[in-house]
Amino acid sequence: MMNHLVFQTGGDWDSTTLFANGEEFLASQLFVEVTAGRDDWGNPANGGIFNGGTITAIVRPQDDPNDEIGIFPGRLELTFPGHSLVIENDHPGFAFEMTRVWFDGHDVTNVVLDIQVDINAVEDVVRGFITLYRSHWIVRDEIATYNLI
């Protein structure tokens, strides 16, 4: 079972690596999708992971791209040029509310709305973003999306 994945890229395929539990893992795809931080009507709200949500996080090995291997429970560290993202959930039953998220070294667990990372060597797709919610007491709330790559 994989429980500690470390993904790193300098922005091109030659500088891209993925390690699983300290061993290089040759993957055809790394896919992560998190949706959280919504109120009962689906609107962005303060609370992030604590409001509930969903997560899909898989890798597909190069030697069998149809096989989906779940990443969690465990820790996923992603390093992009200029950004870092860590998603961790070590709960044995993978309870969503036990998920923690750090973006550029800051704990954003209670303000995360969306995360999507799709690194797909087979289809030559590289995309990633994180969306955060910032509530303000006096002025209008903010939603900020940061491109990871």
C-alpha atoms as a PDB file:
ATOM      1  CA  MET A   1       0.000   0.000   0.000  1.00  0.00           C
ATOM      2  CA  MET A   2       1.310   3.433  -0.897  1.00  0.00           C
ATOM      3  CA  ASN A   3       1.222   5.912   1.905  1.00  0.00           C
ATOM      4  CA  HIS A   4       3.815   8.577   1.156  1.00  0.00           C
ATOM      5  CA  LEU A   5       4.009   9.995  -2.365  1.00  0.00           C
ATOM      6  CA  VAL A   6       6.377  12.786  -3.346  1.00  0.00           C
ATOM      7  CA  PHE A   7       5.818  14.446  -6.729  1.00  0.00           C
ATOM      8  CA  GLN A   8       8.213  17.064  -8.043  1.00  0.00           C
ATOM      9  CA  THR A   9       8.495  18.927 -11.319  1.00  0.00           C
ATOM     10  CA  GLY A  10      10.578  21.754 -12.637  1.00  0.00           C
ATOM     11  CA  GLY A  11       7.939  22.357 -15.306  1.00  0.00           C
ATOM     12  CA  ASP A  12       8.877  19.783 -17.968  1.00  0.00           C
ATOM     13  CA  TRP A  13       8.678  15.995 -18.266  1.00  0.00           C
ATOM     14  CA  ASP A  14      12.450  15.501 -17.872  1.00  0.00           C
ATOM     15  CA  SER A  15      12.399  17.189 -14.452  1.00  0.00           C
ATOM     16  CA  THR A  16       9.295  15.354 -13.232  1.00  0.00           C
ATOM     17  CA  THR A  17       9.596  12.568 -10.638  1.00  0.00           C
ATOM     18  CA  LEU A  18       7.261  10.594  -8.420  1.00  0.00           C
ATOM     19  CA  PHE A  19       8.420   8.601  -5.417  1.00  0.00           C
ATOM     20  CA  ALA A  20       6.272   6.212  -3.397  1.00  0.00           C
ATOM     21  CA  ASN A  21       7.600   5.339   0.046  1.00  0.00           C
ATOM     22  CA  GLY A  22      11.114   6.377  -1.001  1.00  0.00           C
ATOM     23  CA  GLU A  23      11.167   4.353  -4.249  1.00  0.00           C
ATOM     24  CA  GLU A  24      10.783   5.881  -7.690  1.00  0.00           C
ATOM     25  CA  PHE A  25       7.323   5.109  -9.064  1.00  0.00           C
ATOM     26  CA  LEU A  26       6.908   5.175 -12.840  1.00  0.00           C
ATOM     27  CA  ALA A  27       3.405   6.509 -13.353  1.00  0.00           C
ATOM     28  CA  SER A  28       1.391   7.280 -16.431  1.00  0.00           C
ATOM     29  CA  GLN A  29      -0.952   9.533 -14.420  1.00  0.00           C
ATOM     30  CA  LEU A  30      -1.267  11.280 -11.079  1.00  0.00           C
ATOM     31  CA  PHE A  31      -4.787  12.587 -10.515  1.00  0.00           C
ATOM     32  CA  VAL A  32      -6.111  14.469  -7.492  1.00  0.00           C
ATOM     33  CA  GLU A  33      -9.486  16.191  -7.162  1.00  0.00           C
ATOM     34  CA  VAL A  34     -10.778  17.711  -3.927  1.00  0.00           C
ATOM     35  CA  THR A  35     -14.081  19.531  -3.476  1.00  0.00           C
ATOM     36  CA  ALA A  36     -14.797  21.067  -0.062  1.00  0.00           C
ATOM     37  CA  GLY A  37     -15.826  24.296   1.661  1.00  0.00           C
ATOM     38  CA  ARG A  38     -19.441  24.479   0.556  1.00  0.00           C
ATOM     39  CA  ASP A  39     -22.546  25.349   2.572  1.00  0.00           C
ATOM     40  CA  ASP A  40     -25.800  23.366   2.447  1.00  0.00           C
ATOM     41  CA  TRP A  41     -26.710  25.039  -0.878  1.00  0.00           C
ATOM     42  CA  GLY A  42     -23.362  24.365  -2.560  1.00  0.00           C
ATOM     43  CA  ASN A  43     -22.079  27.923  -2.192  1.00  0.00           C
ATOM     44  CA  PRO A  44     -18.467  28.612  -1.142  1.00  0.00           C
ATOM     45  CA  ALA A  45     -18.236  28.992   2.633  1.00  0.00           C
ATOM     46  CA  ASN A  46     -15.697  29.229   5.390  1.00  0.00           C
ATOM     47  CA  GLY A  47     -14.790  25.863   6.897  1.00  0.00           C
ATOM     48  CA  GLY A  48     -12.973  24.075   4.086  1.00  0.00           C
ATOM     49  CA  ILE A  49     -12.501  20.371   4.784  1.00  0.00           C
ATOM     50  CA  PHE A  50     -14.562  20.666   7.980  1.00  0.00           C
ATOM     51  CA  ASN A  51     -17.672  21.384   5.853  1.00  0.00           C
ATOM     52  CA  GLY A  52     -17.310  17.948   4.258  1.00  0.00           C
ATOM     53  CA  GLY A  53     -16.594  17.149   0.638  1.00  0.00           C
ATOM     54  CA  THR A  54     -15.061  14.605  -1.677  1.00  0.00           C
ATOM     55  CA  ILE A  55     -11.601  13.542  -2.719  1.00  0.00           C
ATOM     56  CA  THR A  56     -10.312  11.390  -5.543  1.00  0.00           C
ATOM     57  CA  ALA A  57      -6.567  10.723  -5.502  1.00  0.00           C
ATOM     58  CA  ILE A  58      -5.034   7.997  -7.659  1.00  0.00           C
ATOM     59  CA  VAL A  59      -1.919   7.057  -9.582  1.00  0.00           C
ATOM     60  CA  ARG A  60      -1.824   4.847 -12.647  1.00  0.00           C
ATOM     61  CA  PRO A  61       1.382   2.820 -13.131  1.00  0.00           C
ATOM     62  CA  GLN A  62       3.169   3.011 -16.494  1.00  0.00           C
ATOM     63  CA  ASP A  63       3.185  -0.762 -16.879  1.00  0.00           C
ATOM     64  CA  ASP A  64      -0.620  -0.962 -16.408  1.00  0.00           C
ATOM     65  CA  PRO A  65      -2.255   2.436 -17.113  1.00  0.00           C
ATOM     66  CA  ASN A  66      -5.747   0.995 -16.570  1.00  0.00           C
ATOM     67  CA  ASP A  67      -4.930   0.173 -12.941  1.00  0.00           C
ATOM     68  CA  GLU A  68      -5.922   2.847 -10.401  1.00  0.00           C
ATOM     69  CA  ILE A  69      -3.991   2.831  -7.137  1.00  0.00           C
ATOM     70  CA  GLY A  70      -5.463   4.936  -4.335  1.00  0.00           C
ATOM     71  CA  ILE A  71      -3.102   7.359  -2.613  1.00  0.00           C
ATOM     72  CA  PHE A  72      -4.910   7.683   0.726  1.00  0.00           C
ATOM     73  CA  PRO A  73      -4.692   7.004   3.586  1.00  0.00           C
ATOM     74  CA  GLY A  74      -1.288   8.629   3.493  1.00  0.00           C
ATOM     75  CA  ARG A  75       0.556  11.796   2.525  1.00  0.00           C
ATOM     76  CA  LEU A  76       0.976  13.411  -0.887  1.00  0.00           C
ATOM     77  CA  GLU A  77       3.637  16.101  -1.335  1.00  0.00           C
ATOM     78  CA  LEU A  78       3.580  18.058  -4.603  1.00  0.00           C
ATOM     79  CA  THR A  79       6.280  20.535  -5.604  1.00  0.00           C
ATOM     80  CA  PHE A  80       5.818  22.772  -8.652  1.00  0.00           C
ATOM     81  CA  PRO A  81       7.894  25.745  -9.816  1.00  0.00           C
ATOM     82  CA  GLY A  82       6.950  28.419  -7.265  1.00  0.00           C
ATOM     83  CA  HIS A  83       4.356  26.395  -5.323  1.00  0.00           C
ATOM     84  CA  SER A  84       4.087  23.464  -2.943  1.00  0.00           C
ATOM     85  CA  LEU A  85       1.010  21.514  -1.900  1.00  0.00           C
ATOM     86  CA  VAL A  86       0.693  18.812   0.751  1.00  0.00           C
ATOM     87  CA  ILE A  87      -2.438  16.745   1.301  1.00  0.00           C
ATOM     88  CA  GLU A  88      -2.486  14.336   4.208  1.00  0.00           C
ATOM     89  CA  ASN A  89      -5.023  11.883   5.556  1.00  0.00           C
ATOM     90  CA  ASP A  90      -3.674   9.007   7.616  1.00  0.00           C
ATOM     91  CA  HIS A  91      -7.004   7.896   9.063  1.00  0.00           C
ATOM     92  CA  PRO A  92      -7.259   4.111   8.484  1.00  0.00           C
ATOM     93  CA  GLY A  93     -10.854   4.451   7.276  1.00  0.00           C
ATOM     94  CA  PHE A  94      -9.994   7.571   5.260  1.00  0.00           C
ATOM     95  CA  ALA A  95     -12.509   9.820   7.022  1.00  0.00           C
ATOM     96  CA  PHE A  96     -12.665  12.948   4.821  1.00  0.00           C
ATOM     97  CA  GLU A  97     -12.747  15.340   7.793  1.00  0.00           C
ATOM     98  CA  MET A  98      -9.312  14.041   8.839  1.00  0.00           C
ATOM     99  CA  THR A  99      -7.752  15.462   5.648  1.00  0.00           C
ATOM    100  CA  ARG A 100      -5.244  18.298   6.103  1.00  0.00           C
ATOM    101  CA  VAL A 101      -3.987  20.628   3.344  1.00  0.00           C
ATOM    102  CA  TRP A 102      -0.951  22.921   3.239  1.00  0.00           C
ATOM    103  CA  PHE A 103      -0.314  25.349   0.370  1.00  0.00           C
ATOM    104  CA  ASP A 104       3.062  27.084   0.124  1.00  0.00           C
ATOM    105  CA  GLY A 105       3.734  26.153   3.758  1.00  0.00           C
ATOM    106  CA  HIS A 106       0.439  27.519   5.123  1.00  0.00           C
ATOM    107  CA  ASP A 107      -2.304  25.347   6.608  1.00  0.00           C
ATOM    108  CA  VAL A 108      -5.307  26.004   4.340  1.00  0.00           C
ATOM    109  CA  THR A 109      -7.422  23.089   5.601  1.00  0.00           C
ATOM    110  CA  ASN A 110     -10.253  25.365   6.762  1.00  0.00           C
ATOM    111  CA  VAL A 111     -10.359  27.550   3.611  1.00  0.00           C
ATOM    112  CA  VAL A 112      -9.800  25.107   0.743  1.00  0.00           C
ATOM    113  CA  LEU A 113     -12.586  24.906  -1.843  1.00  0.00           C
ATOM    114  CA  ASP A 114     -11.104  22.978  -4.754  1.00  0.00           C
ATOM    115  CA  ILE A 115      -7.895  21.257  -5.735  1.00  0.00           C
ATOM    116  CA  GLN A 116      -7.266  19.670  -9.073  1.00  0.00           C
ATOM    117  CA  VAL A 117      -4.000  18.141 -10.227  1.00  0.00           C
ATOM    118  CA  ASP A 118      -3.824  16.050 -13.387  1.00  0.00           C
ATOM    119  CA  ILE A 119      -0.360  14.977 -14.520  1.00  0.00           C
ATOM    120  CA  ASN A 120      -0.970  12.565 -17.387  1.00  0.00           C
ATOM    121  CA  ALA A 121       2.070  11.483 -19.417  1.00  0.00           C
ATOM    122  CA  VAL A 122       0.009   9.342 -21.821  1.00  0.00           C
ATOM    123  CA  GLU A 123      -2.264  12.205 -22.898  1.00  0.00           C
ATOM    124  CA  ASP A 124       0.422  14.908 -22.373  1.00  0.00           C
ATOM    125  CA  VAL A 125      -1.814  16.779 -19.914  1.00  0.00           C
ATOM    126  CA  VAL A 126      -0.321  18.881 -17.140  1.00  0.00           C
ATOM    127  CA  ARG A 127      -2.646  21.034 -15.095  1.00  0.00           C
ATOM    128  CA  GLY A 128      -3.163  21.959 -11.500  1.00  0.00           C
ATOM    129  CA  PHE A 129      -4.897  24.580  -9.406  1.00  0.00           C
ATOM    130  CA  ILE A 130      -6.103  25.259  -5.877  1.00  0.00           C
ATOM    131  CA  THR A 131      -9.020  27.511  -4.953  1.00  0.00           C
ATOM    132  CA  LEU A 132      -9.216  29.073  -1.503  1.00  0.00           C
ATOM    133  CA  TYR A 133     -11.987  30.961   0.290  1.00  0.00           C
ATOM    134  CA  ARG A 134     -11.220  34.006   2.365  1.00  0.00           C
ATOM    135  CA  SER A 135     -14.038  35.369   4.474  1.00  0.00           C
ATOM    136  CA  HIS A 136     -14.041  39.007   5.527  1.00  0.00           C
ATOM    137  CA  TRP A 137     -16.082  40.518   8.275  1.00  0.00           C
ATOM    138  CA  ILE A 138     -16.673  43.969   6.798  1.00  0.00           C
ATOM    139  CA  VAL A 139     -15.895  43.696   3.089  1.00  0.00           C
ATOM    140  CA  ARG A 140     -16.974  41.118   0.528  1.00  0.00           C
ATOM    141  CA  ASP A 141     -15.589  37.559   0.807  1.00  0.00           C
ATOM    142  CA  GLU A 142     -12.908  36.479  -1.666  1.00  0.00           C
ATOM    143  CA  ILE A 143     -12.359  33.370  -3.726  1.00  0.00           C
ATOM    144  CA  ALA A 144      -8.818  33.031  -5.076  1.00  0.00           C
ATOM    145  CA  THR A 145      -7.596  30.437  -7.545  1.00  0.00           C
ATOM    146  CA  TYR A 146      -3.857  29.754  -7.851  1.00  0.00           C
ATOM    147  CA  ASN A 147      -2.437  27.895 -10.831  1.00  0.00           C
ATOM    148  CA  LEU A 148       0.093  25.364  -9.638  1.00  0.00           C
ATOM    149  CA  ILE A 149       1.622  24.787 -13.059  1.00  0.00           C
END
